[in-house]
Amino acid sequence: MYNQGPKAVEDPDEIVKCKVDFCEHFKCNLSEVDIKEIDRRQITDFPPVKAITIEYQGEIKECPNCHKITKATFPKVRGQTPNLQNLRGKHHCL
């Protein structure tokens, strides 16, 4: 027995109509023939993930006493953010 997935929902977010226009056996036109029955199959998907760009802006200040420059320290994030690392760890296809 194979896994049939989650139980079908009664009110899906989107419905895609798959039409039958021709008989697969006799090749006659069925576009005007009444529908006898509807076969339903559902998949569950996630909405698209939108990447965001975060810009870090570090302050640069001059000390009024010694006149030396001090720069802000940036977080230790190189290339991959924690959220992206977390996604990659859970989903091998990324």
Foldseek 3Di string as FASTA:
>chain_A
DDDLDDDDDPDDPDDDDDDDQADPPPRDGCPPPDDPDDDDDDDDDDPDDDDDDDDDDWDWDADPPPRDIDIDDDDPDDDDDPVRVVVCVVDVVD
